[in-house]
């Protein structure tokens, strides 16, 4: 699993895309939680090794983009 830590003033959305741009995971993030643990499953199946991009979309002043590497 992987844990995303965040500091956002309002609720937001986490979107994870594969390198081809396909959405593999999406979930709401609560401003009161500050962390989200994902079991690296997409559609009930384990996520394949590779590079993924994640985007946390909050309000216009607080968004984040990053890279996630899965290598088991």
C-alpha atoms as a PDB file:
ATOM      1  CA  UNK A   1       0.000   0.000   0.000  1.00  0.00           C
ATOM      2  CA  UNK A   2       0.941   3.652  -0.299  1.00  0.00           C
ATOM      3  CA  UNK A   3      -0.070   6.530   1.942  1.00  0.00           C
ATOM      4  CA  UNK A   4      -0.713   9.993   0.565  1.00  0.00           C
ATOM      5  CA  UNK A   5      -0.189  12.767   3.099  1.00  0.00           C
ATOM      6  CA  UNK A   6      -1.748  16.129   2.387  1.00  0.00           C
ATOM      7  CA  UNK A   7      -2.488  19.482   3.936  1.00  0.00           C
ATOM      8  CA  UNK A   8      -5.538  20.974   2.271  1.00  0.00           C
ATOM      9  CA  UNK A   9      -7.919  23.595   3.653  1.00  0.00           C
ATOM     10  CA  UNK A  10     -11.019  22.018   2.077  1.00  0.00           C
ATOM     11  CA  UNK A  11     -12.143  18.652   0.750  1.00  0.00           C
ATOM     12  CA  UNK A  12     -10.462  17.579  -2.497  1.00  0.00           C
ATOM     13  CA  UNK A  13     -10.218  14.716  -4.995  1.00  0.00           C
ATOM     14  CA  UNK A  14      -7.293  12.369  -5.633  1.00  0.00           C
ATOM     15  CA  UNK A  15      -6.965  11.060  -9.200  1.00  0.00           C
ATOM     16  CA  UNK A  16      -4.300   8.531 -10.243  1.00  0.00           C
ATOM     17  CA  UNK A  17      -3.494   7.985 -13.933  1.00  0.00           C
ATOM     18  CA  UNK A  18      -1.290   5.452 -15.679  1.00  0.00           C
ATOM     19  CA  UNK A  19       1.439   6.660 -18.018  1.00  0.00           C
ATOM     20  CA  UNK A  20      -0.992   6.425 -20.976  1.00  0.00           C
ATOM     21  CA  UNK A  21      -3.329   8.890 -19.260  1.00  0.00           C
ATOM     22  CA  UNK A  22      -5.997   6.374 -18.228  1.00  0.00           C
ATOM     23  CA  UNK A  23      -7.661   6.982 -14.872  1.00  0.00           C
ATOM     24  CA  UNK A  24      -6.916   4.013 -12.588  1.00  0.00           C
ATOM     25  CA  UNK A  25      -8.117   5.351  -9.225  1.00  0.00           C
ATOM     26  CA  UNK A  26     -10.146   8.251  -7.911  1.00  0.00           C
ATOM     27  CA  UNK A  27     -11.302   9.040  -4.390  1.00  0.00           C
ATOM     28  CA  UNK A  28     -12.456  12.021  -2.335  1.00  0.00           C
ATOM     29  CA  UNK A  29     -10.061  13.374   0.301  1.00  0.00           C
ATOM     30  CA  UNK A  30     -11.327  14.903   3.518  1.00  0.00           C
ATOM     31  CA  UNK A  31      -9.624  18.067   4.753  1.00  0.00           C
ATOM     32  CA  UNK A  32      -9.914  16.763   8.310  1.00  0.00           C
ATOM     33  CA  UNK A  33      -8.053  13.469   7.670  1.00  0.00           C
ATOM     34  CA  UNK A  34      -4.606  14.617   6.331  1.00  0.00           C
ATOM     35  CA  UNK A  35      -3.731  11.118   5.035  1.00  0.00           C
ATOM     36  CA  UNK A  36      -5.160   8.510   2.670  1.00  0.00           C
ATOM     37  CA  UNK A  37      -3.902   4.918   2.448  1.00  0.00           C
ATOM     38  CA  UNK A  38      -4.441   3.136  -0.862  1.00  0.00           C
ATOM     39  CA  UNK A  39      -3.971  -0.618  -1.237  1.00  0.00           C
ATOM     40  CA  UNK A  40      -2.700  -0.203  -4.842  1.00  0.00           C
ATOM     41  CA  UNK A  41      -5.680  -2.023  -6.319  1.00  0.00           C
ATOM     42  CA  UNK A  42      -7.632  -0.717  -9.301  1.00  0.00           C
ATOM     43  CA  UNK A  43     -10.930  -2.296 -10.262  1.00  0.00           C
ATOM     44  CA  UNK A  44     -10.346  -5.102  -7.759  1.00  0.00           C
ATOM     45  CA  UNK A  45      -6.968  -6.062  -9.232  1.00  0.00           C
ATOM     46  CA  UNK A  46      -3.441  -5.229  -8.058  1.00  0.00           C
ATOM     47  CA  UNK A  47      -1.887  -2.273  -9.832  1.00  0.00           C
ATOM     48  CA  UNK A  48       0.825  -3.281 -12.321  1.00  0.00           C
ATOM     49  CA  UNK A  49       4.417  -2.165 -11.837  1.00  0.00           C
ATOM     50  CA  UNK A  50       5.060   1.154 -13.531  1.00  0.00           C
ATOM     51  CA  UNK A  51       4.934   4.909 -13.254  1.00  0.00           C
ATOM     52  CA  UNK A  52       1.689   6.659 -12.353  1.00  0.00           C
ATOM     53  CA  UNK A  53       0.780  10.318 -12.049  1.00  0.00           C
ATOM     54  CA  UNK A  54      -1.411  11.615  -9.270  1.00  0.00           C
ATOM     55  CA  UNK A  55      -3.308  14.866  -9.026  1.00  0.00           C
ATOM     56  CA  UNK A  56      -4.916  16.261  -5.891  1.00  0.00           C
ATOM     57  CA  UNK A  57      -7.565  18.751  -6.948  1.00  0.00           C
ATOM     58  CA  UNK A  58      -8.720  21.109  -4.258  1.00  0.00           C
ATOM     59  CA  UNK A  59      -9.599  24.731  -4.560  1.00  0.00           C
ATOM     60  CA  UNK A  60      -7.795  26.810  -7.183  1.00  0.00           C
ATOM     61  CA  UNK A  61      -5.057  27.799  -4.729  1.00  0.00           C
ATOM     62  CA  UNK A  62      -4.182  24.328  -3.425  1.00  0.00           C
ATOM     63  CA  UNK A  63      -3.585  21.555  -5.969  1.00  0.00           C
ATOM     64  CA  UNK A  64      -0.718  19.097  -6.226  1.00  0.00           C
ATOM     65  CA  UNK A  65       0.708  16.895  -8.986  1.00  0.00           C
ATOM     66  CA  UNK A  66       3.190  14.095  -8.390  1.00  0.00           C
ATOM     67  CA  UNK A  67       4.603  10.816  -9.587  1.00  0.00           C
ATOM     68  CA  UNK A  68       4.141   7.382  -8.037  1.00  0.00           C
ATOM     69  CA  UNK A  69       6.408   4.449  -8.938  1.00  0.00           C
ATOM     70  CA  UNK A  70       5.073   0.950  -8.259  1.00  0.00           C
ATOM     71  CA  UNK A  71       7.813  -1.697  -8.164  1.00  0.00           C
ATOM     72  CA  UNK A  72       7.065  -4.861  -6.223  1.00  0.00           C
END
